[in-house]
Amino acid sequence: MPVRIWREPLDADKIKVSKAEIHILKDQCKGCDFCIEFCPKQVLETSEELNIKGFHPPIVIDESRCVLCDFCTAICPDFAIFVIEKDCKEGC
């Protein structure tokens, strides 16, 4: 059961919420779908396109749901995906 916040935190205006930038190296992917299966926020899904190896690499459904846990980066056996924090100096 998810935790619900019943009030807004007093310092909510001071907290910086990080935004993710997901990079997928499509031609390096072998289509194991580990990143899709184990993503806690269901940010990825299998694409219809084929890479040069003949596999279906993942695509990003909704980058705004990513919480920068980097689990996809850690679990990928081919190092075909990585996540970085967006530079939000001008606003995201």
N, C-alpha and C. Protein backbone atom coordinates (compact mmCIF):
# COMPACT_ATOMS: atom_id res chain seq x y z
N MET A 1 0.84 -1.17 0.00
CA MET A 1 0.00 0.00 0.00
C MET A 1 0.89 1.24 0.00
N PRO A 2 0.71 2.13 -0.97
CA PRO A 2 1.55 3.33 -1.02
C PRO A 2 1.27 4.28 0.13
N VAL A 3 2.31 5.00 0.51
CA VAL A 3 2.19 5.99 1.57
C VAL A 3 1.54 7.25 1.01
N ARG A 4 0.55 7.74 1.69
CA ARG A 4 -0.12 8.97 1.26
C ARG A 4 0.31 10.10 2.18
N ILE A 5 0.56 11.25 1.58
CA ILE A 5 0.90 12.42 2.36
C ILE A 5 -0.38 13.19 2.59
N TRP A 6 -0.74 13.38 3.82
CA TRP A 6 -2.01 14.02 4.15
C TRP A 6 -1.89 15.54 4.27
N ARG A 7 -0.65 16.04 4.22
CA ARG A 7 -0.44 17.48 4.24
C ARG A 7 0.78 17.79 3.40
N GLU A 8 0.91 19.03 3.00
CA GLU A 8 2.07 19.45 2.24
C GLU A 8 3.20 19.79 3.20
N PRO A 9 4.41 19.31 2.94
CA PRO A 9 5.52 19.64 3.82
C PRO A 9 5.76 21.15 3.89
N LEU A 10 6.19 21.64 5.04
CA LEU A 10 6.39 23.07 5.24
C LEU A 10 7.50 23.65 4.35
N ASP A 11 8.48 22.82 3.99
CA ASP A 11 9.58 23.30 3.16
C ASP A 11 9.47 22.84 1.71
N ALA A 12 8.26 22.57 1.24
CA ALA A 12 8.06 22.07 -0.12
C ALA A 12 8.56 23.03 -1.18
N ASP A 13 8.49 24.32 -0.93
CA ASP A 13 8.95 25.31 -1.90
C ASP A 13 10.48 25.39 -1.97
N LYS A 14 11.18 24.84 -0.99
CA LYS A 14 12.64 24.89 -0.95
C LYS A 14 13.28 23.62 -1.51
N ILE A 15 12.51 22.59 -1.67
CA ILE A 15 13.02 21.31 -2.13
C ILE A 15 13.12 21.30 -3.65
N LYS A 16 14.29 20.89 -4.16
CA LYS A 16 14.50 20.78 -5.60
C LYS A 16 14.21 19.34 -6.02
N VAL A 17 13.25 19.16 -6.89
CA VAL A 17 12.91 17.83 -7.40
C VAL A 17 13.76 17.57 -8.64
N SER A 18 14.53 16.50 -8.60
CA SER A 18 15.42 16.18 -9.72
C SER A 18 14.64 15.63 -10.89
N LYS A 19 15.06 15.98 -12.09
CA LYS A 19 14.47 15.48 -13.31
C LYS A 19 15.47 14.56 -14.00
N ALA A 20 14.99 13.49 -14.59
CA ALA A 20 15.86 12.50 -15.21
C ALA A 20 15.97 12.72 -16.71
N GLU A 21 17.10 12.29 -17.23
CA GLU A 21 17.33 12.25 -18.66
C GLU A 21 17.83 10.84 -18.97
N ILE A 22 17.01 10.04 -19.64
CA ILE A 22 17.31 8.63 -19.88
C ILE A 22 17.93 8.48 -21.27
N HIS A 23 19.08 7.81 -21.31
CA HIS A 23 19.78 7.58 -22.57
C HIS A 23 19.84 6.08 -22.84
N ILE A 24 19.40 5.69 -24.02
CA ILE A 24 19.42 4.28 -24.42
C ILE A 24 20.31 4.15 -25.64
N LEU A 25 21.31 3.28 -25.54
CA LEU A 25 22.19 2.99 -26.67
C LEU A 25 21.56 1.82 -27.43
N LYS A 26 20.70 2.15 -28.38
CA LYS A 26 19.85 1.15 -29.04
C LYS A 26 20.63 0.02 -29.69
N ASP A 27 21.73 0.34 -30.36
CA ASP A 27 22.47 -0.69 -31.08
C ASP A 27 23.32 -1.56 -30.16
N GLN A 28 23.45 -1.19 -28.91
CA GLN A 28 24.19 -1.98 -27.94
C GLN A 28 23.26 -2.95 -27.18
N CYS A 29 21.96 -2.73 -27.25
CA CYS A 29 20.97 -3.52 -26.51
C CYS A 29 20.76 -4.88 -27.16
N LYS A 30 20.60 -5.91 -26.32
CA LYS A 30 20.30 -7.24 -26.85
C LYS A 30 18.87 -7.68 -26.54
N GLY A 31 18.04 -6.75 -26.08
CA GLY A 31 16.62 -7.03 -25.89
C GLY A 31 16.26 -7.94 -24.75
N CYS A 32 17.03 -7.93 -23.67
CA CYS A 32 16.74 -8.81 -22.53
C CYS A 32 15.54 -8.33 -21.72
N ASP A 33 15.20 -7.05 -21.83
CA ASP A 33 14.06 -6.43 -21.13
C ASP A 33 14.19 -6.38 -19.61
N PHE A 34 15.39 -6.56 -19.07
CA PHE A 34 15.59 -6.45 -17.63
C PHE A 34 15.23 -5.05 -17.14
N CYS A 35 15.63 -4.04 -17.91
CA CYS A 35 15.35 -2.65 -17.51
C CYS A 35 13.85 -2.39 -17.46
N ILE A 36 13.11 -3.02 -18.34
CA ILE A 36 11.66 -2.84 -18.38
C ILE A 36 11.00 -3.57 -17.21
N GLU A 37 11.39 -4.81 -16.98
CA GLU A 37 10.79 -5.63 -15.94
C GLU A 37 11.04 -5.10 -14.53
N PHE A 38 12.22 -4.58 -14.28
CA PHE A 38 12.60 -4.21 -12.92
C PHE A 38 12.52 -2.73 -12.61
N CYS A 39 12.03 -1.92 -13.54
CA CYS A 39 11.87 -0.48 -13.28
C CYS A 39 10.74 -0.29 -12.26
N PRO A 40 11.01 0.36 -11.13
CA PRO A 40 9.97 0.51 -10.11
C PRO A 40 8.85 1.47 -10.51
N LYS A 41 9.08 2.31 -11.50
CA LYS A 41 8.07 3.29 -11.92
C LYS A 41 7.51 3.03 -13.32
N GLN A 42 7.86 1.90 -13.93
CA GLN A 42 7.35 1.51 -15.25
C GLN A 42 7.55 2.63 -16.28
N VAL A 43 8.78 3.07 -16.42
CA VAL A 43 9.13 4.17 -17.31
C VAL A 43 9.40 3.70 -18.74
N LEU A 44 9.76 2.44 -18.91
CA LEU A 44 10.17 1.91 -20.21
C LEU A 44 9.20 0.86 -20.74
N GLU A 45 9.23 0.68 -22.07
CA GLU A 45 8.51 -0.43 -22.70
C GLU A 45 9.29 -0.85 -23.94
N THR A 46 8.99 -2.03 -24.47
CA THR A 46 9.67 -2.55 -25.65
C THR A 46 9.20 -1.81 -26.89
N SER A 47 10.14 -1.43 -27.73
CA SER A 47 9.80 -0.71 -28.96
C SER A 47 9.49 -1.70 -30.08
N GLU A 48 8.92 -1.20 -31.15
CA GLU A 48 8.61 -2.01 -32.32
C GLU A 48 9.79 -2.06 -33.29
N GLU A 49 10.71 -1.10 -33.18
CA GLU A 49 11.83 -1.04 -34.11
C GLU A 49 12.90 -2.07 -33.75
N LEU A 50 13.70 -2.42 -34.73
CA LEU A 50 14.81 -3.36 -34.53
C LEU A 50 16.12 -2.59 -34.58
N ASN A 51 17.07 -3.01 -33.74
CA ASN A 51 18.41 -2.41 -33.79
C ASN A 51 19.26 -3.20 -34.78
N ILE A 52 20.55 -2.88 -34.90
CA ILE A 52 21.39 -3.55 -35.88
C ILE A 52 21.63 -5.03 -35.56
N LYS A 53 21.41 -5.40 -34.30
CA LYS A 53 21.55 -6.80 -33.89
C LYS A 53 20.28 -7.61 -34.12
N GLY A 54 19.18 -6.92 -34.43
CA GLY A 54 17.91 -7.60 -34.66
C GLY A 54 17.04 -7.73 -33.42
N PHE A 55 17.31 -6.95 -32.40
CA PHE A 55 16.53 -6.99 -31.17
C PHE A 55 15.68 -5.73 -31.04
N HIS A 56 14.66 -5.81 -30.20
CA HIS A 56 13.79 -4.67 -29.91
C HIS A 56 14.30 -3.96 -28.66
N PRO A 57 14.93 -2.80 -28.80
CA PRO A 57 15.41 -2.06 -27.63
C PRO A 57 14.25 -1.38 -26.90
N PRO A 58 14.45 -0.99 -25.65
CA PRO A 58 13.38 -0.28 -24.93
C PRO A 58 13.23 1.16 -25.41
N ILE A 59 12.06 1.72 -25.16
CA ILE A 59 11.83 3.14 -25.38
C ILE A 59 11.27 3.73 -24.10
N VAL A 60 11.42 5.01 -23.95
CA VAL A 60 10.94 5.72 -22.77
C VAL A 60 9.49 6.10 -22.97
N ILE A 61 8.63 5.68 -22.03
CA ILE A 61 7.21 6.03 -22.08
C ILE A 61 6.99 7.42 -21.48
N ASP A 62 7.44 7.59 -20.24
CA ASP A 62 7.22 8.85 -19.53
C ASP A 62 8.44 9.14 -18.65
N GLU A 63 9.33 9.97 -19.16
CA GLU A 63 10.56 10.30 -18.46
C GLU A 63 10.30 11.02 -17.14
N SER A 64 9.16 11.69 -17.02
CA SER A 64 8.86 12.44 -15.79
C SER A 64 8.61 11.53 -14.59
N ARG A 65 8.31 10.26 -14.83
CA ARG A 65 8.08 9.32 -13.72
C ARG A 65 9.38 8.76 -13.15
N CYS A 66 10.49 8.94 -13.84
CA CYS A 66 11.77 8.39 -13.41
C CYS A 66 12.22 9.08 -12.11
N VAL A 67 12.67 8.28 -11.14
CA VAL A 67 13.10 8.80 -9.85
C VAL A 67 14.61 8.72 -9.66
N LEU A 68 15.34 8.52 -10.76
CA LEU A 68 16.80 8.48 -10.75
C LEU A 68 17.36 7.39 -9.83
N CYS A 69 16.73 6.25 -9.78
CA CYS A 69 17.23 5.17 -8.92
C CYS A 69 18.42 4.46 -9.56
N ASP A 70 18.60 4.60 -10.88
CA ASP A 70 19.70 3.99 -11.63
C ASP A 70 19.68 2.46 -11.61
N PHE A 71 18.54 1.88 -11.28
CA PHE A 71 18.48 0.42 -11.27
C PHE A 71 18.61 -0.15 -12.67
N CYS A 72 18.05 0.55 -13.66
CA CYS A 72 18.16 0.08 -15.05
C CYS A 72 19.62 0.04 -15.48
N THR A 73 20.39 1.04 -15.07
CA THR A 73 21.81 1.09 -15.39
C THR A 73 22.56 -0.05 -14.74
N ALA A 74 22.23 -0.34 -13.49
CA ALA A 74 22.91 -1.39 -12.75
C ALA A 74 22.58 -2.79 -13.26
N ILE A 75 21.35 -3.00 -13.73
CA ILE A 75 20.91 -4.34 -14.10
C ILE A 75 21.19 -4.68 -15.57
N CYS A 76 21.48 -3.69 -16.40
CA CYS A 76 21.71 -3.94 -17.82
C CYS A 76 23.03 -4.67 -18.05
N PRO A 77 22.98 -5.89 -18.63
CA PRO A 77 24.21 -6.65 -18.84
C PRO A 77 25.07 -6.08 -19.97
N ASP A 78 24.51 -5.24 -20.81
CA ASP A 78 25.24 -4.70 -21.96
C ASP A 78 25.60 -3.23 -21.83
N PHE A 79 25.32 -2.62 -20.68
CA PHE A 79 25.61 -1.20 -20.44
C PHE A 79 24.98 -0.34 -21.54
N ALA A 80 23.74 -0.67 -21.91
CA ALA A 80 23.05 0.00 -23.01
C ALA A 80 22.11 1.10 -22.56
N ILE A 81 22.03 1.36 -21.26
CA ILE A 81 21.14 2.39 -20.75
C ILE A 81 21.81 3.09 -19.58
N PHE A 82 21.61 4.40 -19.51
CA PHE A 82 22.09 5.15 -18.36
C PHE A 82 21.20 6.36 -18.15
N VAL A 83 21.16 6.83 -16.91
CA VAL A 83 20.30 7.94 -16.52
C VAL A 83 21.16 9.02 -15.89
N ILE A 84 20.92 10.26 -16.30
CA ILE A 84 21.60 11.39 -15.69
C ILE A 84 20.58 12.41 -15.23
N GLU A 85 20.99 13.24 -14.31
CA GLU A 85 20.11 14.30 -13.81
C GLU A 85 20.15 15.48 -14.78
N LYS A 86 18.96 15.98 -15.16
CA LYS A 86 18.89 17.12 -16.07
C LYS A 86 19.41 18.37 -15.39
N ASP A 87 20.03 19.21 -16.18
CA ASP A 87 20.49 20.51 -15.70
C ASP A 87 19.31 21.46 -15.82
N CYS A 88 18.74 21.84 -14.72
CA CYS A 88 17.50 22.64 -14.71
C CYS A 88 17.77 24.11 -14.36
N LYS A 89 18.82 24.68 -14.87
CA LYS A 89 19.11 26.08 -14.59
C LYS A 89 18.08 27.01 -15.21
N GLU A 90 17.58 26.63 -16.40
CA GLU A 90 16.60 27.46 -17.10
C GLU A 90 15.19 26.94 -16.91
N GLY A 91 15.01 25.95 -16.07
CA GLY A 91 13.69 25.37 -15.84
C GLY A 91 13.52 24.11 -16.67
N CYS A 92 12.81 23.16 -16.09
CA CYS A 92 12.62 21.88 -16.79
C CYS A 92 11.30 21.84 -17.45
